[in-house]
Amino acid sequence: MAPDPREELIASLQAAVEAVPASGDGPLGAEGTGDTAVSGGAPAAAGAAADPSAPGSPENPDYRAARKRAYSLLAMRDHSRAELREKLLRKEHAGDSVEILLDRLEASDLLNDRRYAQQLVRVQREQKGLSASALQRRLREKGVSDEDARASLEDLDDDFPHALALARRKAASTRTLDRDTRLRRILGVLGRRGFAGGTAMRAAQEALDEEC
């Protein structure tokens, strides 16, 4: 039987986490074989890692389950820290275990809000033509910090070409209607994508004028 690509990816994610030292003390993959567990940058109490009931212990059933679920989610796509936290807490994993796991994923660069934000902006801009303001709202909804959001948006191109492309598509689907109705519908679509009023009006009128 051919190997399952998703299982292979999950295994590679686990290997990446295991390769990262925890605060210079021992491998994270042993996840507790050293004396330090990462939680908010603070070392765990001495001997806590050896306690199988400790939140970050590899023997803690809840931690193991949270880790497995996180690997599966990250194998499907990148997540922001806040988004992954929310999904794990929704499954009723303990908050302490989740925070330690998130710290370890960040330390291994499997969880990176700056990279996640840049990817989200690129994909949403290319596929949905969202405006800069709509992208900023989307990042905020995903729990991305203002600093990471600004960094991902700083090289964004002008909104107008994206508004015009969307206006042209809507104009093409409303050719049987009168101009005023078409204008309102195009403006409605552009407004929902977050384009400012002036940009939306200019794009809508240009798209309609091109047909004359």
C-alpha atoms as a PDB file:
ATOM      1  CA  MET A   1       0.000   0.000   0.000  1.00  0.00           C
ATOM      2  CA  ALA A   2       1.315   3.459  -0.919  1.00  0.00           C
ATOM      3  CA  PRO A   3       2.171   5.712   2.059  1.00  0.00           C
ATOM      4  CA  ASP A   4      -0.435   8.298   3.046  1.00  0.00           C
ATOM      5  CA  PRO A   5       1.010  11.773   2.152  1.00  0.00           C
ATOM      6  CA  ARG A   6      -0.914  13.373   5.008  1.00  0.00           C
ATOM      7  CA  GLU A   7       0.488  10.904   7.535  1.00  0.00           C
ATOM      8  CA  GLU A   8       3.977  11.583   6.188  1.00  0.00           C
ATOM      9  CA  LEU A   9       3.434  15.326   6.575  1.00  0.00           C
ATOM     10  CA  ILE A  10       2.196  14.913  10.140  1.00  0.00           C
ATOM     11  CA  ALA A  11       5.277  12.821  10.917  1.00  0.00           C
ATOM     12  CA  SER A  12       7.526  15.527   9.464  1.00  0.00           C
ATOM     13  CA  LEU A  13       5.787  18.174  11.574  1.00  0.00           C
ATOM     14  CA  GLN A  14       6.387  16.135  14.701  1.00  0.00           C
ATOM     15  CA  ALA A  15      10.030  15.608  13.745  1.00  0.00           C
ATOM     16  CA  ALA A  16      10.459  19.376  13.286  1.00  0.00           C
ATOM     17  CA  VAL A  17       9.118  20.056  16.774  1.00  0.00           C
ATOM     18  CA  GLU A  18      11.277  17.351  18.269  1.00  0.00           C
ATOM     19  CA  ALA A  19      14.410  18.846  16.736  1.00  0.00           C
ATOM     20  CA  VAL A  20      14.065  22.149  18.611  1.00  0.00           C
ATOM     21  CA  PRO A  21      15.723  22.536  22.032  1.00  0.00           C
ATOM     22  CA  ALA A  22      13.556  23.815  24.845  1.00  0.00           C
ATOM     23  CA  SER A  23      15.290  26.913  26.227  1.00  0.00           C
ATOM     24  CA  GLY A  24      18.638  25.268  25.522  1.00  0.00           C
ATOM     25  CA  ASP A  25      17.955  22.413  27.917  1.00  0.00           C
ATOM     26  CA  GLY A  26      16.961  19.279  26.027  1.00  0.00           C
ATOM     27  CA  PRO A  27      15.004  18.330  22.949  1.00  0.00           C
ATOM     28  CA  LEU A  28      11.430  19.420  22.722  1.00  0.00           C
ATOM     29  CA  GLY A  29      10.548  16.188  21.022  1.00  0.00           C
ATOM     30  CA  ALA A  30      11.377  14.402  24.157  1.00  0.00           C
ATOM     31  CA  GLU A  31       8.856  17.020  25.308  1.00  0.00           C
ATOM     32  CA  GLY A  32       9.681  16.801  28.902  1.00  0.00           C
ATOM     33  CA  THR A  33      12.846  14.678  28.952  1.00  0.00           C
ATOM     34  CA  GLY A  34      14.787  17.828  29.827  1.00  0.00           C
ATOM     35  CA  ASP A  35      14.105  19.936  32.882  1.00  0.00           C
ATOM     36  CA  THR A  36      12.454  22.802  31.015  1.00  0.00           C
ATOM     37  CA  ALA A  37       9.037  23.056  29.422  1.00  0.00           C
ATOM     38  CA  VAL A  38       8.266  26.135  27.383  1.00  0.00           C
ATOM     39  CA  SER A  39       5.240  28.061  28.565  1.00  0.00           C
ATOM     40  CA  GLY A  40       5.090  31.763  27.796  1.00  0.00           C
ATOM     41  CA  GLY A  41       8.896  31.831  27.804  1.00  0.00           C
ATOM     42  CA  ALA A  42       9.129  30.806  31.467  1.00  0.00           C
ATOM     43  CA  PRO A  43      10.807  27.579  32.627  1.00  0.00           C
ATOM     44  CA  ALA A  44       8.615  24.987  34.243  1.00  0.00           C
ATOM     45  CA  ALA A  45       9.109  24.100  37.883  1.00  0.00           C
ATOM     46  CA  ALA A  46      11.914  21.642  38.496  1.00  0.00           C
ATOM     47  CA  GLY A  47      10.758  18.078  38.087  1.00  0.00           C
ATOM     48  CA  ALA A  48       7.458  19.067  36.475  1.00  0.00           C
ATOM     49  CA  ALA A  49       8.482  17.556  33.140  1.00  0.00           C
ATOM     50  CA  ALA A  50       8.961  14.166  34.851  1.00  0.00           C
ATOM     51  CA  ASP A  51       5.432  14.274  36.236  1.00  0.00           C
ATOM     52  CA  PRO A  52       3.176  12.437  33.738  1.00  0.00           C
ATOM     53  CA  SER A  53       0.265  14.644  34.798  1.00  0.00           C
ATOM     54  CA  ALA A  54       2.167  17.903  34.024  1.00  0.00           C
ATOM     55  CA  PRO A  55       0.561  19.913  31.195  1.00  0.00           C
ATOM     56  CA  GLY A  56       3.522  19.554  28.811  1.00  0.00           C
ATOM     57  CA  SER A  57       4.451  15.983  29.650  1.00  0.00           C
ATOM     58  CA  PRO A  58       4.453  13.542  26.708  1.00  0.00           C
ATOM     59  CA  GLU A  59       2.655  11.129  29.043  1.00  0.00           C
ATOM     60  CA  ASN A  60      -0.204  13.549  29.696  1.00  0.00           C
ATOM     61  CA  PRO A  61      -3.158  12.154  27.675  1.00  0.00           C
ATOM     62  CA  ASP A  62      -4.694  15.559  27.093  1.00  0.00           C
ATOM     63  CA  TYR A  63      -1.414  17.049  25.886  1.00  0.00           C
ATOM     64  CA  ARG A  64      -0.847  14.087  23.558  1.00  0.00           C
ATOM     65  CA  ALA A  65      -4.340  14.441  22.113  1.00  0.00           C
ATOM     66  CA  ALA A  66      -3.935  18.206  21.648  1.00  0.00           C
ATOM     67  CA  ARG A  67      -0.577  17.690  19.937  1.00  0.00           C
ATOM     68  CA  LYS A  68      -2.010  15.099  17.555  1.00  0.00           C
ATOM     69  CA  ARG A  69      -4.934  17.372  16.679  1.00  0.00           C
ATOM     70  CA  ALA A  70      -2.602  20.344  16.118  1.00  0.00           C
ATOM     71  CA  TYR A  71      -0.395  18.331  13.776  1.00  0.00           C
ATOM     72  CA  SER A  72      -3.453  17.270  11.775  1.00  0.00           C
ATOM     73  CA  LEU A  73      -4.709  20.850  11.497  1.00  0.00           C
ATOM     74  CA  LEU A  74      -1.301  22.197  10.459  1.00  0.00           C
ATOM     75  CA  ALA A  75      -0.939  19.413   7.902  1.00  0.00           C
ATOM     76  CA  MET A  76      -4.020  20.789   6.147  1.00  0.00           C
ATOM     77  CA  ARG A  77      -3.001  24.466   6.182  1.00  0.00           C
ATOM     78  CA  ASP A  78      -1.205  27.158   8.171  1.00  0.00           C
ATOM     79  CA  HIS A  79      -2.999  28.663  11.158  1.00  0.00           C
ATOM     80  CA  SER A  80      -2.454  31.734  13.268  1.00  0.00           C
ATOM     81  CA  ARG A  81      -1.653  31.091  16.913  1.00  0.00           C
ATOM     82  CA  ALA A  82      -5.016  32.498  18.014  1.00  0.00           C
ATOM     83  CA  GLU A  83      -6.899  30.417  15.455  1.00  0.00           C
ATOM     84  CA  LEU A  84      -5.159  27.178  16.440  1.00  0.00           C
ATOM     85  CA  ARG A  85      -5.662  27.961  20.140  1.00  0.00           C
ATOM     86  CA  GLU A  86      -9.372  28.501  19.586  1.00  0.00           C
ATOM     87  CA  LYS A  87      -9.760  25.201  17.747  1.00  0.00           C
ATOM     88  CA  LEU A  88      -7.910  23.240  20.410  1.00  0.00           C
ATOM     89  CA  LEU A  89      -9.781  24.864  23.303  1.00  0.00           C
ATOM     90  CA  ARG A  90     -13.057  24.231  21.501  1.00  0.00           C
ATOM     91  CA  LYS A  91     -12.195  20.525  21.738  1.00  0.00           C
ATOM     92  CA  GLU A  92     -11.847  21.055  25.517  1.00  0.00           C
ATOM     93  CA  HIS A  93      -8.103  20.538  25.750  1.00  0.00           C
ATOM     94  CA  ALA A  94      -6.618  22.044  28.905  1.00  0.00           C
ATOM     95  CA  GLY A  95      -5.458  25.639  28.529  1.00  0.00           C
ATOM     96  CA  ASP A  96      -2.027  24.980  30.093  1.00  0.00           C
ATOM     97  CA  SER A  97      -1.304  22.113  27.722  1.00  0.00           C
ATOM     98  CA  VAL A  98      -2.453  24.151  24.734  1.00  0.00           C
ATOM     99  CA  GLU A  99      -0.221  27.120  25.591  1.00  0.00           C
ATOM    100  CA  ILE A 100       2.850  24.915  26.054  1.00  0.00           C
ATOM    101  CA  LEU A 101       2.115  23.188  22.756  1.00  0.00           C
ATOM    102  CA  LEU A 102       1.672  26.506  20.947  1.00  0.00           C
ATOM    103  CA  ASP A 103       4.976  27.771  22.352  1.00  0.00           C
ATOM    104  CA  ARG A 104       6.716  24.653  21.096  1.00  0.00           C
ATOM    105  CA  LEU A 105       5.148  24.920  17.657  1.00  0.00           C
ATOM    106  CA  GLU A 106       6.288  28.546  17.436  1.00  0.00           C
ATOM    107  CA  ALA A 107       9.786  27.616  18.577  1.00  0.00           C
ATOM    108  CA  SER A 108       9.989  25.070  15.755  1.00  0.00           C
ATOM    109  CA  ASP A 109       8.577  27.655  13.262  1.00  0.00           C
ATOM    110  CA  LEU A 110       5.584  25.471  12.470  1.00  0.00           C
ATOM    111  CA  LEU A 111       3.431  28.270  13.852  1.00  0.00           C
ATOM    112  CA  ASN A 112       4.392  31.716  12.545  1.00  0.00           C
ATOM    113  CA  ASP A 113       1.849  34.544  12.533  1.00  0.00           C
ATOM    114  CA  ARG A 114       3.909  36.775  10.237  1.00  0.00           C
ATOM    115  CA  ARG A 115       4.198  34.057   7.593  1.00  0.00           C
ATOM    116  CA  TYR A 116       0.544  33.133   8.036  1.00  0.00           C
ATOM    117  CA  ALA A 117      -0.557  36.749   7.544  1.00  0.00           C
ATOM    118  CA  GLN A 118       1.526  37.161   4.387  1.00  0.00           C
ATOM    119  CA  GLN A 119       0.095  33.987   2.914  1.00  0.00           C
ATOM    120  CA  LEU A 120      -3.484  34.923   3.775  1.00  0.00           C
ATOM    121  CA  VAL A 121      -3.092  38.378   2.216  1.00  0.00           C
ATOM    122  CA  ARG A 122      -1.607  36.972  -0.971  1.00  0.00           C
ATOM    123  CA  VAL A 123      -4.245  34.264  -1.438  1.00  0.00           C
ATOM    124  CA  GLN A 124      -7.251  36.423  -0.535  1.00  0.00           C
ATOM    125  CA  ARG A 125      -6.030  39.245  -2.784  1.00  0.00           C
ATOM    126  CA  GLU A 126      -5.416  36.960  -5.759  1.00  0.00           C
ATOM    127  CA  GLN A 127      -8.454  34.712  -5.419  1.00  0.00           C
ATOM    128  CA  LYS A 128     -11.106  37.036  -4.012  1.00  0.00           C
ATOM    129  CA  GLY A 129      -9.795  40.487  -4.880  1.00  0.00           C
ATOM    130  CA  LEU A 130     -10.340  41.765  -1.352  1.00  0.00           C
ATOM    131  CA  SER A 131      -9.480  45.382  -0.588  1.00  0.00           C
ATOM    132  CA  ALA A 132      -6.711  46.365   1.807  1.00  0.00           C
ATOM    133  CA  SER A 133      -9.249  47.274   4.512  1.00  0.00           C
ATOM    134  CA  ALA A 134     -11.074  43.960   4.101  1.00  0.00           C
ATOM    135  CA  LEU A 135      -7.781  42.082   4.366  1.00  0.00           C
ATOM    136  CA  GLN A 136      -6.935  44.000   7.537  1.00  0.00           C
ATOM    137  CA  ARG A 137     -10.288  43.021   9.042  1.00  0.00           C
ATOM    138  CA  ARG A 138      -9.738  39.394   8.057  1.00  0.00           C
ATOM    139  CA  LEU A 139      -6.342  39.344   9.768  1.00  0.00           C
ATOM    140  CA  ARG A 140      -7.834  40.876  12.907  1.00  0.00           C
ATOM    141  CA  GLU A 141     -10.547  38.189  12.907  1.00  0.00           C
ATOM    142  CA  LYS A 142      -7.813  35.538  12.762  1.00  0.00           C
ATOM    143  CA  GLY A 143      -6.106  37.033  15.815  1.00  0.00           C
ATOM    144  CA  VAL A 144      -3.045  38.358  13.987  1.00  0.00           C
ATOM    145  CA  SER A 145      -1.318  41.197  15.824  1.00  0.00           C
ATOM    146  CA  ASP A 146      -1.402  44.734  14.428  1.00  0.00           C
ATOM    147  CA  GLU A 147       2.364  44.586  13.876  1.00  0.00           C
ATOM    148  CA  ASP A 148       2.210  41.386  11.814  1.00  0.00           C
ATOM    149  CA  ALA A 149      -0.820  42.684   9.921  1.00  0.00           C
ATOM    150  CA  ARG A 150       0.960  45.911   8.988  1.00  0.00           C
ATOM    151  CA  ALA A 151       4.017  43.999   7.826  1.00  0.00           C
ATOM    152  CA  SER A 152       1.917  41.768   5.586  1.00  0.00           C
ATOM    153  CA  LEU A 153       0.045  44.720   4.052  1.00  0.00           C
ATOM    154  CA  GLU A 154       2.896  47.201   3.587  1.00  0.00           C
ATOM    155  CA  ASP A 155       3.802  46.045   0.042  1.00  0.00           C
ATOM    156  CA  LEU A 156       0.222  45.576  -1.110  1.00  0.00           C
ATOM    157  CA  ASP A 157      -0.502  46.921  -4.591  1.00  0.00           C
ATOM    158  CA  ASP A 158      -3.174  49.533  -5.380  1.00  0.00           C
ATOM    159  CA  ASP A 159      -6.806  48.631  -4.725  1.00  0.00           C
ATOM    160  CA  PHE A 160      -8.202  50.053  -7.979  1.00  0.00           C
ATOM    161  CA  PRO A 161      -7.137  47.315 -10.447  1.00  0.00           C
ATOM    162  CA  HIS A 162      -8.744  44.695  -8.215  1.00  0.00           C
ATOM    163  CA  ALA A 163     -11.917  46.760  -7.859  1.00  0.00           C
ATOM    164  CA  LEU A 164     -12.079  47.229 -11.627  1.00  0.00           C
ATOM    165  CA  ALA A 165     -11.609  43.511 -12.334  1.00  0.00           C
ATOM    166  CA  LEU A 166     -14.440  42.698  -9.930  1.00  0.00           C
ATOM    167  CA  ALA A 167     -16.644  45.446 -11.402  1.00  0.00           C
ATOM    168  CA  ARG A 168     -16.094  44.076 -14.908  1.00  0.00           C
ATOM    169  CA  ARG A 169     -17.146  40.583 -13.831  1.00  0.00           C
ATOM    170  CA  LYS A 170     -20.307  41.897 -12.190  1.00  0.00           C
ATOM    171  CA  ALA A 171     -21.051  44.125 -15.176  1.00  0.00           C
ATOM    172  CA  ALA A 172     -20.811  41.136 -17.513  1.00  0.00           C
ATOM    173  CA  SER A 173     -23.435  39.270 -15.493  1.00  0.00           C
ATOM    174  CA  THR A 174     -25.951  42.153 -15.434  1.00  0.00           C
ATOM    175  CA  ARG A 175     -26.073  43.200 -19.106  1.00  0.00           C
ATOM    176  CA  THR A 176     -29.837  42.699 -19.375  1.00  0.00           C
ATOM    177  CA  LEU A 177     -30.543  45.313 -16.672  1.00  0.00           C
ATOM    178  CA  ASP A 178     -30.711  49.108 -16.911  1.00  0.00           C
ATOM    179  CA  ARG A 179     -27.568  51.105 -16.088  1.00  0.00           C
ATOM    180  CA  ASP A 180     -28.732  52.453 -12.721  1.00  0.00           C
ATOM    181  CA  THR A 181     -29.604  48.971 -11.464  1.00  0.00           C
ATOM    182  CA  ARG A 182     -26.302  47.607 -12.727  1.00  0.00           C
ATOM    183  CA  LEU A 183     -24.412  50.430 -11.040  1.00  0.00           C
ATOM    184  CA  ARG A 184     -26.103  49.732  -7.702  1.00  0.00           C
ATOM    185  CA  ARG A 185     -25.352  46.015  -7.924  1.00  0.00           C
ATOM    186  CA  ILE A 186     -21.716  46.569  -8.857  1.00  0.00           C
ATOM    187  CA  LEU A 187     -21.305  49.040  -6.006  1.00  0.00           C
ATOM    188  CA  GLY A 188     -22.905  46.536  -3.639  1.00  0.00           C
ATOM    189  CA  VAL A 189     -20.401  43.837  -4.597  1.00  0.00           C
ATOM    190  CA  LEU A 190     -17.466  46.214  -4.273  1.00  0.00           C
ATOM    191  CA  GLY A 191     -18.712  47.502  -0.929  1.00  0.00           C
ATOM    192  CA  ARG A 192     -18.927  43.973   0.447  1.00  0.00           C
ATOM    193  CA  ARG A 193     -15.312  43.414  -0.599  1.00  0.00           C
ATOM    194  CA  GLY A 194     -14.308  46.467   1.419  1.00  0.00           C
ATOM    195  CA  PHE A 195     -13.476  48.952  -1.341  1.00  0.00           C
ATOM    196  CA  ALA A 196     -13.803  52.617  -0.423  1.00  0.00           C
ATOM    197  CA  GLY A 197     -16.678  54.598  -1.921  1.00  0.00           C
ATOM    198  CA  GLY A 198     -14.592  56.655  -4.342  1.00  0.00           C
ATOM    199  CA  THR A 199     -12.638  53.648  -5.598  1.00  0.00           C
ATOM    200  CA  ALA A 200     -15.816  51.593  -5.974  1.00  0.00           C
ATOM    201  CA  MET A 201     -17.676  54.332  -7.901  1.00  0.00           C
ATOM    202  CA  ARG A 202     -14.745  54.929 -10.245  1.00  0.00           C
ATOM    203  CA  ALA A 203     -14.365  51.200 -10.962  1.00  0.00           C
ATOM    204  CA  ALA A 204     -18.106  50.661 -11.471  1.00  0.00           C
ATOM    205  CA  GLN A 205     -18.499  53.578 -13.871  1.00  0.00           C
ATOM    206  CA  GLU A 206     -15.385  52.602 -15.829  1.00  0.00           C
ATOM    207  CA  ALA A 207     -16.581  49.015 -16.181  1.00  0.00           C
ATOM    208  CA  LEU A 208     -19.952  50.181 -17.502  1.00  0.00           C
ATOM    209  CA  ASP A 209     -18.450  52.843 -19.788  1.00  0.00           C
ATOM    210  CA  GLU A 210     -16.198  50.243 -21.410  1.00  0.00           C
ATOM    211  CA  GLU A 211     -19.281  48.586 -22.894  1.00  0.00           C
ATOM    212  CA  CYS A 212     -20.464  51.705 -24.663  1.00  0.00           C
END
